[in-house]
């Protein structure tokens, strides 16, 4: 039997698994999915879980149920490309013939002392649950500080404002404004929403260190009851340790078929893969689908023909009733419509394998 292992049951891994199962899977191929959780967590909605506006049961998606798919649970502790093995929980060692790495990302703390120890995360389901507990145990009139004014930080701040009107909420950003990569019209809309809803925005913030309850901005002390980190991501530790070429962000450099050039039986998708696009669930799904196409072609002895990945756009929420988005090349959407569209995307994701 040839063993094809998918590491990670997120957007990219599940997309690859579904595409592989939807087509003819050779009888001599064992397809295995390894994940630490017994279901997929919809990571794009973790901000709502942390804010307390949604229960985690509402953002769980069952893994596909198929007799051709073996699901194994465990924490992946090592990937040995030379010997073609993966290790689980420092014990079980599993051989592979083909490997798809779809392990996602973790927070990037930029070498700031104390940041990892004294801030909270929304990168994993477990961490997000803990963040929810910390935030929602804060007494009225307390302070929550969100470090990072990108999409995740903005959605978290807005959702938390609707969840806890009694709290003081601020966003720290190192640039001139939140959502610095988005069009000016969209940024203006979100800034006005924050002003109206009394979310403080602090630009040009350069943290030097973090201590319990204190963030230091160029010597200035910023006191807070809880700090949530949304100021950057990087591939997970297991991918960081791989001795393969990577881009400046630490993501694995790949050929046009999503393969590691010197390990062409190993594919990488999602936040671990170097790409001209910004990391997103939509991108990971597209990459996972293409990897499955490449593998199917190899089984048939055919040359794969991949089309250029085209992303539909980006949608963000401002609570449950308003949102923003960039569709197509630069079409800006604000207000109720993008929020409804984002809810539709969530609905489709939850029923992907129904």
C-alpha atoms as a PDB file:
ATOM      1  CA  UNK A   1       0.000   0.000   0.000  1.00  0.00           C
ATOM      2  CA  UNK A   2       1.090   3.546  -0.759  1.00  0.00           C
ATOM      3  CA  UNK A   3       0.378   5.944   2.102  1.00  0.00           C
ATOM      4  CA  UNK A   4      -0.678   9.536   1.477  1.00  0.00           C
ATOM      5  CA  UNK A   5      -0.738  11.578   4.678  1.00  0.00           C
ATOM      6  CA  UNK A   6      -2.352  14.970   5.131  1.00  0.00           C
ATOM      7  CA  UNK A   7      -1.049  16.894   8.133  1.00  0.00           C
ATOM      8  CA  UNK A   8      -3.711  19.277   9.399  1.00  0.00           C
ATOM      9  CA  UNK A   9      -7.484  19.325   9.072  1.00  0.00           C
ATOM     10  CA  UNK A  10      -7.911  23.024   8.350  1.00  0.00           C
ATOM     11  CA  UNK A  11      -9.030  24.744   5.158  1.00  0.00           C
ATOM     12  CA  UNK A  12      -6.163  23.464   2.983  1.00  0.00           C
ATOM     13  CA  UNK A  13      -5.987  19.927   4.328  1.00  0.00           C
ATOM     14  CA  UNK A  14      -9.721  19.326   4.149  1.00  0.00           C
ATOM     15  CA  UNK A  15      -9.904  20.795   0.656  1.00  0.00           C
ATOM     16  CA  UNK A  16      -7.204  18.381  -0.501  1.00  0.00           C
ATOM     17  CA  UNK A  17      -8.872  15.429   1.216  1.00  0.00           C
ATOM     18  CA  UNK A  18     -12.277  16.182  -0.280  1.00  0.00           C
ATOM     19  CA  UNK A  19     -10.858  16.584  -3.792  1.00  0.00           C
ATOM     20  CA  UNK A  20      -8.916  13.329  -3.488  1.00  0.00           C
ATOM     21  CA  UNK A  21     -12.021  11.469  -2.324  1.00  0.00           C
ATOM     22  CA  UNK A  22     -14.304  13.015  -4.925  1.00  0.00           C
ATOM     23  CA  UNK A  23     -12.242  11.448  -7.699  1.00  0.00           C
ATOM     24  CA  UNK A  24     -11.107   7.866  -8.119  1.00  0.00           C
ATOM     25  CA  UNK A  25      -8.760   6.946  -5.286  1.00  0.00           C
ATOM     26  CA  UNK A  26      -6.517   4.023  -6.335  1.00  0.00           C
ATOM     27  CA  UNK A  27      -7.200   0.863  -4.349  1.00  0.00           C
ATOM     28  CA  UNK A  28      -3.555   0.634  -3.298  1.00  0.00           C
ATOM     29  CA  UNK A  29      -3.503   4.137  -1.736  1.00  0.00           C
ATOM     30  CA  UNK A  30      -4.156   4.612   1.966  1.00  0.00           C
ATOM     31  CA  UNK A  31      -5.333   8.170   2.629  1.00  0.00           C
ATOM     32  CA  UNK A  32      -4.714   9.384   6.182  1.00  0.00           C
ATOM     33  CA  UNK A  33      -5.582  12.705   7.833  1.00  0.00           C
ATOM     34  CA  UNK A  34      -3.772  13.629  11.053  1.00  0.00           C
ATOM     35  CA  UNK A  35      -4.998  16.410  13.326  1.00  0.00           C
ATOM     36  CA  UNK A  36      -4.930  17.151  17.042  1.00  0.00           C
ATOM     37  CA  UNK A  37      -8.668  17.963  17.060  1.00  0.00           C
ATOM     38  CA  UNK A  38     -11.634  15.684  16.245  1.00  0.00           C
ATOM     39  CA  UNK A  39     -13.148  18.264  13.905  1.00  0.00           C
ATOM     40  CA  UNK A  40     -12.221  21.274  11.805  1.00  0.00           C
ATOM     41  CA  UNK A  41     -12.462  24.614  13.584  1.00  0.00           C
ATOM     42  CA  UNK A  42     -13.395  27.497  11.294  1.00  0.00           C
ATOM     43  CA  UNK A  43     -10.493  29.753  12.136  1.00  0.00           C
ATOM     44  CA  UNK A  44     -11.889  32.806  10.376  1.00  0.00           C
ATOM     45  CA  UNK A  45     -14.562  32.912  13.113  1.00  0.00           C
ATOM     46  CA  UNK A  46     -12.299  32.575  16.142  1.00  0.00           C
ATOM     47  CA  UNK A  47     -12.619  36.305  16.830  1.00  0.00           C
ATOM     48  CA  UNK A  48     -16.334  35.754  17.583  1.00  0.00           C
ATOM     49  CA  UNK A  49     -15.572  32.853  19.918  1.00  0.00           C
ATOM     50  CA  UNK A  50     -13.041  34.976  21.806  1.00  0.00           C
ATOM     51  CA  UNK A  51     -15.613  37.763  22.097  1.00  0.00           C
ATOM     52  CA  UNK A  52     -18.297  35.486  23.481  1.00  0.00           C
ATOM     53  CA  UNK A  53     -20.839  36.014  20.696  1.00  0.00           C
ATOM     54  CA  UNK A  54     -20.698  32.468  19.384  1.00  0.00           C
ATOM     55  CA  UNK A  55     -20.191  29.031  20.952  1.00  0.00           C
ATOM     56  CA  UNK A  56     -17.414  26.833  19.641  1.00  0.00           C
ATOM     57  CA  UNK A  57     -19.945  24.168  18.647  1.00  0.00           C
ATOM     58  CA  UNK A  58     -21.166  26.636  16.014  1.00  0.00           C
ATOM     59  CA  UNK A  59     -17.790  26.811  14.287  1.00  0.00           C
ATOM     60  CA  UNK A  60     -16.995  23.109  14.216  1.00  0.00           C
ATOM     61  CA  UNK A  61     -17.143  21.142  10.974  1.00  0.00           C
ATOM     62  CA  UNK A  62     -16.995  17.321  11.079  1.00  0.00           C
ATOM     63  CA  UNK A  63     -14.198  15.721   9.126  1.00  0.00           C
ATOM     64  CA  UNK A  64     -15.384  13.857   6.019  1.00  0.00           C
ATOM     65  CA  UNK A  65     -16.722  10.408   6.765  1.00  0.00           C
ATOM     66  CA  UNK A  66     -15.446   7.970   4.160  1.00  0.00           C
ATOM     67  CA  UNK A  67     -14.233   4.395   4.549  1.00  0.00           C
ATOM     68  CA  UNK A  68     -11.287   5.261   2.299  1.00  0.00           C
ATOM     69  CA  UNK A  69     -10.083   7.941   4.746  1.00  0.00           C
ATOM     70  CA  UNK A  70      -8.282   7.063   7.980  1.00  0.00           C
ATOM     71  CA  UNK A  71      -8.344   9.805  10.605  1.00  0.00           C
ATOM     72  CA  UNK A  72      -5.698   9.780  13.311  1.00  0.00           C
ATOM     73  CA  UNK A  73      -5.575  12.210  16.229  1.00  0.00           C
ATOM     74  CA  UNK A  74      -2.384  13.522  17.755  1.00  0.00           C
ATOM     75  CA  UNK A  75       0.093  16.378  18.006  1.00  0.00           C
ATOM     76  CA  UNK A  76       2.668  16.319  15.210  1.00  0.00           C
ATOM     77  CA  UNK A  77       6.064  16.793  16.822  1.00  0.00           C
ATOM     78  CA  UNK A  78       8.469  16.087  13.967  1.00  0.00           C
ATOM     79  CA  UNK A  79       8.577  15.811  10.180  1.00  0.00           C
ATOM     80  CA  UNK A  80      11.543  13.858   8.798  1.00  0.00           C
ATOM     81  CA  UNK A  81      11.772  14.507   5.068  1.00  0.00           C
ATOM     82  CA  UNK A  82      14.888  12.382   4.597  1.00  0.00           C
ATOM     83  CA  UNK A  83      13.320   9.248   6.080  1.00  0.00           C
ATOM     84  CA  UNK A  84       9.773  10.099   4.982  1.00  0.00           C
ATOM     85  CA  UNK A  85       8.229   9.855   8.436  1.00  0.00           C
ATOM     86  CA  UNK A  86       6.125  11.986  10.753  1.00  0.00           C
ATOM     87  CA  UNK A  87       6.140  11.660  14.529  1.00  0.00           C
ATOM     88  CA  UNK A  88       3.132  12.106  16.810  1.00  0.00           C
ATOM     89  CA  UNK A  89       3.314  13.142  20.456  1.00  0.00           C
ATOM     90  CA  UNK A  90       7.031  12.196  20.525  1.00  0.00           C
ATOM     91  CA  UNK A  91       6.008   8.512  20.247  1.00  0.00           C
ATOM     92  CA  UNK A  92       4.238   7.155  17.159  1.00  0.00           C
ATOM     93  CA  UNK A  93       6.283   7.281  13.951  1.00  0.00           C
ATOM     94  CA  UNK A  94       4.329   6.924  10.691  1.00  0.00           C
ATOM     95  CA  UNK A  95       5.850   6.356   7.253  1.00  0.00           C
ATOM     96  CA  UNK A  96       4.537   8.137   4.191  1.00  0.00           C
ATOM     97  CA  UNK A  97       4.974   7.899   0.438  1.00  0.00           C
ATOM     98  CA  UNK A  98       3.304  11.247  -0.267  1.00  0.00           C
ATOM     99  CA  UNK A  99       2.859  14.061   2.254  1.00  0.00           C
ATOM    100  CA  UNK A 100       0.679  17.183   2.277  1.00  0.00           C
ATOM    101  CA  UNK A 101       1.671  19.712   4.945  1.00  0.00           C
ATOM    102  CA  UNK A 102      -1.281  21.898   5.878  1.00  0.00           C
ATOM    103  CA  UNK A 103      -0.478  22.777   9.472  1.00  0.00           C
ATOM    104  CA  UNK A 104      -1.323  26.464   9.457  1.00  0.00           C
ATOM    105  CA  UNK A 105       0.321  29.212  11.454  1.00  0.00           C
ATOM    106  CA  UNK A 106       1.117  30.486  14.897  1.00  0.00           C
ATOM    107  CA  UNK A 107       1.617  33.972  16.318  1.00  0.00           C
ATOM    108  CA  UNK A 108       4.739  35.901  15.427  1.00  0.00           C
ATOM    109  CA  UNK A 109       6.007  38.014  18.320  1.00  0.00           C
ATOM    110  CA  UNK A 110       8.825  39.837  16.509  1.00  0.00           C
ATOM    111  CA  UNK A 111      11.271  39.176  19.332  1.00  0.00           C
ATOM    112  CA  UNK A 112       9.399  41.418  21.769  1.00  0.00           C
ATOM    113  CA  UNK A 113      10.226  40.269  25.329  1.00  0.00           C
ATOM    114  CA  UNK A 114       7.192  39.070  27.257  1.00  0.00           C
ATOM    115  CA  UNK A 115       4.804  39.188  24.300  1.00  0.00           C
ATOM    116  CA  UNK A 116       4.268  35.447  24.125  1.00  0.00           C
ATOM    117  CA  UNK A 117       3.999  35.074  27.896  1.00  0.00           C
ATOM    118  CA  UNK A 118       1.685  37.955  28.704  1.00  0.00           C
ATOM    119  CA  UNK A 119      -0.670  38.302  25.746  1.00  0.00           C
ATOM    120  CA  UNK A 120      -3.511  36.053  24.610  1.00  0.00           C
ATOM    121  CA  UNK A 121      -3.972  34.359  21.249  1.00  0.00           C
ATOM    122  CA  UNK A 122      -6.741  33.449  18.806  1.00  0.00           C
ATOM    123  CA  UNK A 123      -4.616  31.177  16.614  1.00  0.00           C
ATOM    124  CA  UNK A 124      -5.871  27.816  17.906  1.00  0.00           C
ATOM    125  CA  UNK A 125      -9.226  26.710  19.244  1.00  0.00           C
ATOM    126  CA  UNK A 126      -7.752  25.936  22.655  1.00  0.00           C
ATOM    127  CA  UNK A 127      -5.996  29.305  22.874  1.00  0.00           C
ATOM    128  CA  UNK A 128      -9.149  31.107  21.744  1.00  0.00           C
ATOM    129  CA  UNK A 129     -11.212  29.422  24.447  1.00  0.00           C
ATOM    130  CA  UNK A 130      -8.703  30.606  27.034  1.00  0.00           C
ATOM    131  CA  UNK A 131      -8.763  34.107  25.557  1.00  0.00           C
ATOM    132  CA  UNK A 132     -12.553  34.140  25.825  1.00  0.00           C
ATOM    133  CA  UNK A 133     -12.348  33.241  29.503  1.00  0.00           C
ATOM    134  CA  UNK A 134      -9.782  35.944  30.223  1.00  0.00           C
ATOM    135  CA  UNK A 135     -11.672  38.698  28.399  1.00  0.00           C
ATOM    136  CA  UNK A 136     -15.094  37.844  29.735  1.00  0.00           C
ATOM    137  CA  UNK A 137     -13.866  37.616  33.317  1.00  0.00           C
ATOM    138  CA  UNK A 138     -12.859  41.275  33.198  1.00  0.00           C
ATOM    139  CA  UNK A 139     -15.060  43.421  35.426  1.00  0.00           C
ATOM    140  CA  UNK A 140     -17.103  46.302  33.927  1.00  0.00           C
ATOM    141  CA  UNK A 141     -15.079  49.357  32.843  1.00  0.00           C
ATOM    142  CA  UNK A 142     -11.997  47.200  32.438  1.00  0.00           C
ATOM    143  CA  UNK A 143      -9.529  47.561  29.558  1.00  0.00           C
ATOM    144  CA  UNK A 144      -8.867  45.199  26.656  1.00  0.00           C
ATOM    145  CA  UNK A 145      -5.951  45.981  24.350  1.00  0.00           C
ATOM    146  CA  UNK A 146      -5.647  44.367  20.933  1.00  0.00           C
ATOM    147  CA  UNK A 147      -2.130  44.442  19.500  1.00  0.00           C
ATOM    148  CA  UNK A 148      -2.340  44.594  15.707  1.00  0.00           C
ATOM    149  CA  UNK A 149      -4.760  46.497  13.490  1.00  0.00           C
ATOM    150  CA  UNK A 150      -5.115  44.015  10.660  1.00  0.00           C
ATOM    151  CA  UNK A 151      -8.254  42.092   9.742  1.00  0.00           C
ATOM    152  CA  UNK A 152      -8.246  39.815  12.809  1.00  0.00           C
ATOM    153  CA  UNK A 153      -7.672  42.659  15.242  1.00  0.00           C
ATOM    154  CA  UNK A 154     -10.396  44.809  13.702  1.00  0.00           C
ATOM    155  CA  UNK A 155     -12.971  42.013  13.688  1.00  0.00           C
ATOM    156  CA  UNK A 156     -12.143  41.106  17.280  1.00  0.00           C
ATOM    157  CA  UNK A 157     -12.434  44.704  18.470  1.00  0.00           C
ATOM    158  CA  UNK A 158     -15.785  45.246  16.755  1.00  0.00           C
ATOM    159  CA  UNK A 159     -17.285  41.965  17.916  1.00  0.00           C
ATOM    160  CA  UNK A 160     -16.096  42.570  21.454  1.00  0.00           C
ATOM    161  CA  UNK A 161     -17.643  46.027  21.431  1.00  0.00           C
ATOM    162  CA  UNK A 162     -21.037  44.474  20.683  1.00  0.00           C
ATOM    163  CA  UNK A 163     -20.484  41.710  23.214  1.00  0.00           C
ATOM    164  CA  UNK A 164     -19.236  43.894  26.084  1.00  0.00           C
ATOM    165  CA  UNK A 165     -20.436  47.486  25.822  1.00  0.00           C
ATOM    166  CA  UNK A 166     -19.111  48.050  29.360  1.00  0.00           C
ATOM    167  CA  UNK A 167     -15.441  47.507  28.441  1.00  0.00           C
ATOM    168  CA  UNK A 168     -12.826  49.934  27.188  1.00  0.00           C
ATOM    169  CA  UNK A 169     -11.312  48.638  23.957  1.00  0.00           C
ATOM    170  CA  UNK A 170      -8.211  49.852  22.139  1.00  0.00           C
ATOM    171  CA  UNK A 171      -6.212  48.723  19.131  1.00  0.00           C
ATOM    172  CA  UNK A 172      -2.471  49.319  18.903  1.00  0.00           C
ATOM    173  CA  UNK A 173      -0.940  49.398  15.438  1.00  0.00           C
ATOM    174  CA  UNK A 174       2.632  50.066  14.360  1.00  0.00           C
ATOM    175  CA  UNK A 175       1.534  51.943  11.226  1.00  0.00           C
ATOM    176  CA  UNK A 176      -0.385  55.123  10.609  1.00  0.00           C
ATOM    177  CA  UNK A 177      -3.749  53.386  10.584  1.00  0.00           C
ATOM    178  CA  UNK A 178      -5.606  50.141  11.021  1.00  0.00           C
ATOM    179  CA  UNK A 179      -6.105  47.960   7.906  1.00  0.00           C
ATOM    180  CA  UNK A 180      -3.105  49.577   6.206  1.00  0.00           C
ATOM    181  CA  UNK A 181      -3.234  47.227   3.191  1.00  0.00           C
ATOM    182  CA  UNK A 182      -6.876  48.018   2.395  1.00  0.00           C
ATOM    183  CA  UNK A 183      -8.258  50.838   0.179  1.00  0.00           C
ATOM    184  CA  UNK A 184      -8.594  54.273   1.787  1.00  0.00           C
ATOM    185  CA  UNK A 185     -12.373  54.351   1.379  1.00  0.00           C
ATOM    186  CA  UNK A 186     -12.749  51.142   3.330  1.00  0.00           C
ATOM    187  CA  UNK A 187     -10.311  52.251   6.041  1.00  0.00           C
ATOM    188  CA  UNK A 188     -12.232  55.516   6.474  1.00  0.00           C
ATOM    189  CA  UNK A 189     -15.483  53.600   6.943  1.00  0.00           C
ATOM    190  CA  UNK A 190     -14.024  51.298   9.600  1.00  0.00           C
ATOM    191  CA  UNK A 191     -12.303  54.144  11.440  1.00  0.00           C
ATOM    192  CA  UNK A 192     -15.578  56.070  11.579  1.00  0.00           C
ATOM    193  CA  UNK A 193     -17.335  52.972  12.896  1.00  0.00           C
ATOM    194  CA  UNK A 194     -14.726  52.668  15.642  1.00  0.00           C
ATOM    195  CA  UNK A 195     -15.012  56.355  16.522  1.00  0.00           C
ATOM    196  CA  UNK A 196     -18.792  56.053  16.755  1.00  0.00           C
ATOM    197  CA  UNK A 197     -18.543  52.939  18.929  1.00  0.00           C
ATOM    198  CA  UNK A 198     -15.738  54.297  21.132  1.00  0.00           C
ATOM    199  CA  UNK A 199     -12.980  51.920  20.144  1.00  0.00           C
ATOM    200  CA  UNK A 200      -9.656  53.683  20.686  1.00  0.00           C
ATOM    201  CA  UNK A 201      -7.060  53.466  17.909  1.00  0.00           C
ATOM    202  CA  UNK A 202      -3.384  54.074  18.749  1.00  0.00           C
ATOM    203  CA  UNK A 203      -1.124  54.449  15.657  1.00  0.00           C
ATOM    204  CA  UNK A 204       2.664  54.312  15.363  1.00  0.00           C
ATOM    205  CA  UNK A 205       2.927  51.960  18.312  1.00  0.00           C
ATOM    206  CA  UNK A 206       6.288  50.241  18.697  1.00  0.00           C
ATOM    207  CA  UNK A 207       6.266  47.831  21.615  1.00  0.00           C
ATOM    208  CA  UNK A 208       9.593  47.235  23.355  1.00  0.00           C
ATOM    209  CA  UNK A 209       8.391  44.705  25.914  1.00  0.00           C
ATOM    210  CA  UNK A 210       5.311  43.300  27.630  1.00  0.00           C
ATOM    211  CA  UNK A 211       4.802  42.653  31.318  1.00  0.00           C
ATOM    212  CA  UNK A 212       1.734  41.421  33.213  1.00  0.00           C
ATOM    213  CA  UNK A 213      -0.879  44.127  32.663  1.00  0.00           C
ATOM    214  CA  UNK A 214       1.549  46.558  30.985  1.00  0.00           C
ATOM    215  CA  UNK A 215       2.659  47.121  27.389  1.00  0.00           C
ATOM    216  CA  UNK A 216       5.623  49.431  26.815  1.00  0.00           C
ATOM    217  CA  UNK A 217       5.376  51.712  23.788  1.00  0.00           C
ATOM    218  CA  UNK A 218       8.659  53.580  23.334  1.00  0.00           C
ATOM    219  CA  UNK A 219       8.947  53.904  27.109  1.00  0.00           C
ATOM    220  CA  UNK A 220       5.287  54.813  27.624  1.00  0.00           C
ATOM    221  CA  UNK A 221       3.375  52.453  29.906  1.00  0.00           C
ATOM    222  CA  UNK A 222       0.050  51.223  28.523  1.00  0.00           C
ATOM    223  CA  UNK A 223      -1.969  49.544  31.244  1.00  0.00           C
ATOM    224  CA  UNK A 224      -4.508  46.866  30.404  1.00  0.00           C
ATOM    225  CA  UNK A 225      -6.523  44.094  32.006  1.00  0.00           C
ATOM    226  CA  UNK A 226      -5.997  41.796  29.026  1.00  0.00           C
ATOM    227  CA  UNK A 227      -3.959  42.014  25.829  1.00  0.00           C
ATOM    228  CA  UNK A 228      -4.748  39.971  22.717  1.00  0.00           C
ATOM    229  CA  UNK A 229      -2.039  39.460  20.084  1.00  0.00           C
ATOM    230  CA  UNK A 230      -3.051  39.807  16.416  1.00  0.00           C
ATOM    231  CA  UNK A 231       0.180  41.413  15.201  1.00  0.00           C
ATOM    232  CA  UNK A 232       1.562  38.845  12.813  1.00  0.00           C
ATOM    233  CA  UNK A 233       1.757  35.162  11.985  1.00  0.00           C
ATOM    234  CA  UNK A 234       4.380  32.620  10.985  1.00  0.00           C
ATOM    235  CA  UNK A 235       4.381  28.913  10.084  1.00  0.00           C
ATOM    236  CA  UNK A 236       4.041  26.495  12.975  1.00  0.00           C
ATOM    237  CA  UNK A 237       7.144  25.285  14.779  1.00  0.00           C
ATOM    238  CA  UNK A 238       7.234  21.923  12.985  1.00  0.00           C
ATOM    239  CA  UNK A 239       7.594  23.727   9.643  1.00  0.00           C
ATOM    240  CA  UNK A 240      10.040  26.266  11.044  1.00  0.00           C
ATOM    241  CA  UNK A 241      12.371  23.355  11.866  1.00  0.00           C
ATOM    242  CA  UNK A 242      12.361  21.950   8.314  1.00  0.00           C
ATOM    243  CA  UNK A 243      15.746  22.340   6.621  1.00  0.00           C
ATOM    244  CA  UNK A 244      14.373  23.581   3.297  1.00  0.00           C
ATOM    245  CA  UNK A 245      14.518  26.950   1.507  1.00  0.00           C
ATOM    246  CA  UNK A 246      12.056  29.513   2.869  1.00  0.00           C
ATOM    247  CA  UNK A 247      10.984  33.066   2.087  1.00  0.00           C
ATOM    248  CA  UNK A 248      11.612  36.034   4.454  1.00  0.00           C
ATOM    249  CA  UNK A 249       8.373  35.212   6.306  1.00  0.00           C
ATOM    250  CA  UNK A 250       9.588  31.672   7.008  1.00  0.00           C
ATOM    251  CA  UNK A 251       7.183  30.035   4.570  1.00  0.00           C
ATOM    252  CA  UNK A 252       8.394  27.105   2.464  1.00  0.00           C
ATOM    253  CA  UNK A 253       9.475  27.917  -1.094  1.00  0.00           C
ATOM    254  CA  UNK A 254       7.739  25.671  -3.617  1.00  0.00           C
ATOM    255  CA  UNK A 255       7.694  24.906  -7.315  1.00  0.00           C
ATOM    256  CA  UNK A 256       4.689  25.599  -9.551  1.00  0.00           C
ATOM    257  CA  UNK A 257       3.070  22.322  -8.439  1.00  0.00           C
ATOM    258  CA  UNK A 258       3.146  23.227  -4.698  1.00  0.00           C
ATOM    259  CA  UNK A 259       5.980  20.742  -4.133  1.00  0.00           C
ATOM    260  CA  UNK A 260       9.184  21.198  -2.141  1.00  0.00           C
ATOM    261  CA  UNK A 261      11.696  21.150  -5.044  1.00  0.00           C
ATOM    262  CA  UNK A 262      14.085  18.589  -3.551  1.00  0.00           C
ATOM    263  CA  UNK A 263      11.253  16.536  -2.035  1.00  0.00           C
ATOM    264  CA  UNK A 264       8.735  16.356  -4.828  1.00  0.00           C
ATOM    265  CA  UNK A 265       6.539  13.893  -2.945  1.00  0.00           C
ATOM    266  CA  UNK A 266       5.921  16.602  -0.306  1.00  0.00           C
ATOM    267  CA  UNK A 267       3.357  19.361  -0.886  1.00  0.00           C
ATOM    268  CA  UNK A 268       2.719  22.436   1.247  1.00  0.00           C
ATOM    269  CA  UNK A 269      -0.469  24.500   1.361  1.00  0.00           C
ATOM    270  CA  UNK A 270      -1.916  27.348   3.399  1.00  0.00           C
ATOM    271  CA  UNK A 271      -0.039  29.532   5.860  1.00  0.00           C
ATOM    272  CA  UNK A 272       3.120  27.404   5.623  1.00  0.00           C
ATOM    273  CA  UNK A 273       3.460  27.868   1.857  1.00  0.00           C
ATOM    274  CA  UNK A 274       5.231  30.780   0.187  1.00  0.00           C
ATOM    275  CA  UNK A 275       2.798  32.589  -2.081  1.00  0.00           C
ATOM    276  CA  UNK A 276       2.332  35.999  -3.737  1.00  0.00           C
ATOM    277  CA  UNK A 277      -1.068  36.163  -1.992  1.00  0.00           C
ATOM    278  CA  UNK A 278      -1.722  37.024   1.639  1.00  0.00           C
ATOM    279  CA  UNK A 279      -2.544  33.961   3.749  1.00  0.00           C
ATOM    280  CA  UNK A 280      -6.269  33.171   3.947  1.00  0.00           C
ATOM    281  CA  UNK A 281      -8.641  30.263   4.256  1.00  0.00           C
ATOM    282  CA  UNK A 282      -9.763  30.875   0.676  1.00  0.00           C
ATOM    283  CA  UNK A 283      -6.190  30.606  -0.594  1.00  0.00           C
ATOM    284  CA  UNK A 284      -5.517  27.442   1.412  1.00  0.00           C
ATOM    285  CA  UNK A 285      -8.624  25.792  -0.028  1.00  0.00           C
ATOM    286  CA  UNK A 286      -7.570  26.674  -3.585  1.00  0.00           C
ATOM    287  CA  UNK A 287      -4.067  25.316  -3.003  1.00  0.00           C
ATOM    288  CA  UNK A 288      -5.407  22.120  -1.447  1.00  0.00           C
ATOM    289  CA  UNK A 289      -7.622  21.516  -4.461  1.00  0.00           C
ATOM    290  CA  UNK A 290      -4.705  22.021  -6.850  1.00  0.00           C
ATOM    291  CA  UNK A 291      -2.444  19.683  -4.892  1.00  0.00           C
ATOM    292  CA  UNK A 292      -5.085  16.970  -5.194  1.00  0.00           C
ATOM    293  CA  UNK A 293      -5.229  17.597  -8.952  1.00  0.00           C
ATOM    294  CA  UNK A 294      -1.442  17.216  -9.212  1.00  0.00           C
ATOM    295  CA  UNK A 295      -1.486  13.975  -7.230  1.00  0.00           C
ATOM    296  CA  UNK A 296      -4.308  12.510  -9.314  1.00  0.00           C
ATOM    297  CA  UNK A 297      -2.407  13.388 -12.488  1.00  0.00           C
ATOM    298  CA  UNK A 298       0.732  11.692 -11.161  1.00  0.00           C
ATOM    299  CA  UNK A 299      -1.230   8.526 -10.404  1.00  0.00           C
ATOM    300  CA  UNK A 300      -2.433   8.476 -14.005  1.00  0.00           C
ATOM    301  CA  UNK A 301       0.992   9.263 -15.433  1.00  0.00           C
ATOM    302  CA  UNK A 302      -0.319  12.566 -16.813  1.00  0.00           C
ATOM    303  CA  UNK A 303       1.150  16.070 -16.795  1.00  0.00           C
ATOM    304  CA  UNK A 304      -0.904  18.294 -14.479  1.00  0.00           C
ATOM    305  CA  UNK A 305      -2.315  21.507 -15.917  1.00  0.00           C
ATOM    306  CA  UNK A 306      -3.064  23.986 -13.168  1.00  0.00           C
ATOM    307  CA  UNK A 307      -4.968  27.187 -13.745  1.00  0.00           C
ATOM    308  CA  UNK A 308      -3.946  30.425 -12.052  1.00  0.00           C
ATOM    309  CA  UNK A 309      -5.471  30.810  -8.600  1.00  0.00           C
ATOM    310  CA  UNK A 310      -8.061  33.577  -8.544  1.00  0.00           C
ATOM    311  CA  UNK A 311      -9.295  34.758  -5.168  1.00  0.00           C
ATOM    312  CA  UNK A 312     -12.765  36.254  -4.882  1.00  0.00           C
ATOM    313  CA  UNK A 313     -11.857  38.943  -2.370  1.00  0.00           C
ATOM    314  CA  UNK A 314     -11.759  39.649   1.361  1.00  0.00           C
ATOM    315  CA  UNK A 315     -14.708  40.091   3.710  1.00  0.00           C
ATOM    316  CA  UNK A 316     -14.614  41.423   7.254  1.00  0.00           C
ATOM    317  CA  UNK A 317     -17.224  41.973   9.952  1.00  0.00           C
ATOM    318  CA  UNK A 318     -18.003  44.880  12.245  1.00  0.00           C
ATOM    319  CA  UNK A 319     -20.170  43.030  14.712  1.00  0.00           C
ATOM    320  CA  UNK A 320     -23.237  41.138  13.547  1.00  0.00           C
ATOM    321  CA  UNK A 321     -24.858  43.872  11.437  1.00  0.00           C
ATOM    322  CA  UNK A 322     -22.151  45.676   9.469  1.00  0.00           C
ATOM    323  CA  UNK A 323     -19.080  44.703   7.531  1.00  0.00           C
ATOM    324  CA  UNK A 324     -16.620  45.571   4.799  1.00  0.00           C
ATOM    325  CA  UNK A 325     -14.959  43.908   1.885  1.00  0.00           C
ATOM    326  CA  UNK A 326     -12.853  44.150  -1.236  1.00  0.00           C
ATOM    327  CA  UNK A 327     -14.207  42.125  -4.140  1.00  0.00           C
ATOM    328  CA  UNK A 328     -12.562  41.546  -7.491  1.00  0.00           C
ATOM    329  CA  UNK A 329      -9.625  43.818  -8.120  1.00  0.00           C
ATOM    330  CA  UNK A 330     -10.495  46.829  -5.954  1.00  0.00           C
ATOM    331  CA  UNK A 331     -14.286  47.001  -5.545  1.00  0.00           C
ATOM    332  CA  UNK A 332     -14.995  48.275  -2.024  1.00  0.00           C
ATOM    333  CA  UNK A 333     -18.114  47.192  -0.135  1.00  0.00           C
ATOM    334  CA  UNK A 334     -19.252  48.539   3.238  1.00  0.00           C
ATOM    335  CA  UNK A 335     -22.344  48.226   5.398  1.00  0.00           C
ATOM    336  CA  UNK A 336     -24.916  45.454   5.627  1.00  0.00           C
ATOM    337  CA  UNK A 337     -24.256  43.638   2.334  1.00  0.00           C
ATOM    338  CA  UNK A 338     -20.667  42.446   3.031  1.00  0.00           C
ATOM    339  CA  UNK A 339     -21.762  41.267   6.488  1.00  0.00           C
ATOM    340  CA  UNK A 340     -24.534  39.174   4.943  1.00  0.00           C
ATOM    341  CA  UNK A 341     -22.081  37.792   2.402  1.00  0.00           C
ATOM    342  CA  UNK A 342     -19.662  36.811   5.162  1.00  0.00           C
ATOM    343  CA  UNK A 343     -22.451  35.016   7.010  1.00  0.00           C
ATOM    344  CA  UNK A 344     -23.199  33.160   3.770  1.00  0.00           C
ATOM    345  CA  UNK A 345     -19.588  32.063   3.446  1.00  0.00           C
ATOM    346  CA  UNK A 346     -19.723  30.712   7.010  1.00  0.00           C
ATOM    347  CA  UNK A 347     -22.952  28.853   6.258  1.00  0.00           C
ATOM    348  CA  UNK A 348     -21.393  27.228   3.198  1.00  0.00           C
ATOM    349  CA  UNK A 349     -18.246  26.260   5.127  1.00  0.00           C
ATOM    350  CA  UNK A 350     -20.263  24.550   7.852  1.00  0.00           C
ATOM    351  CA  UNK A 351     -22.167  22.504   5.281  1.00  0.00           C
ATOM    352  CA  UNK A 352     -19.209  21.719   3.045  1.00  0.00           C
ATOM    353  CA  UNK A 353     -19.420  18.010   3.733  1.00  0.00           C
ATOM    354  CA  UNK A 354     -23.135  17.766   4.415  1.00  0.00           C
END
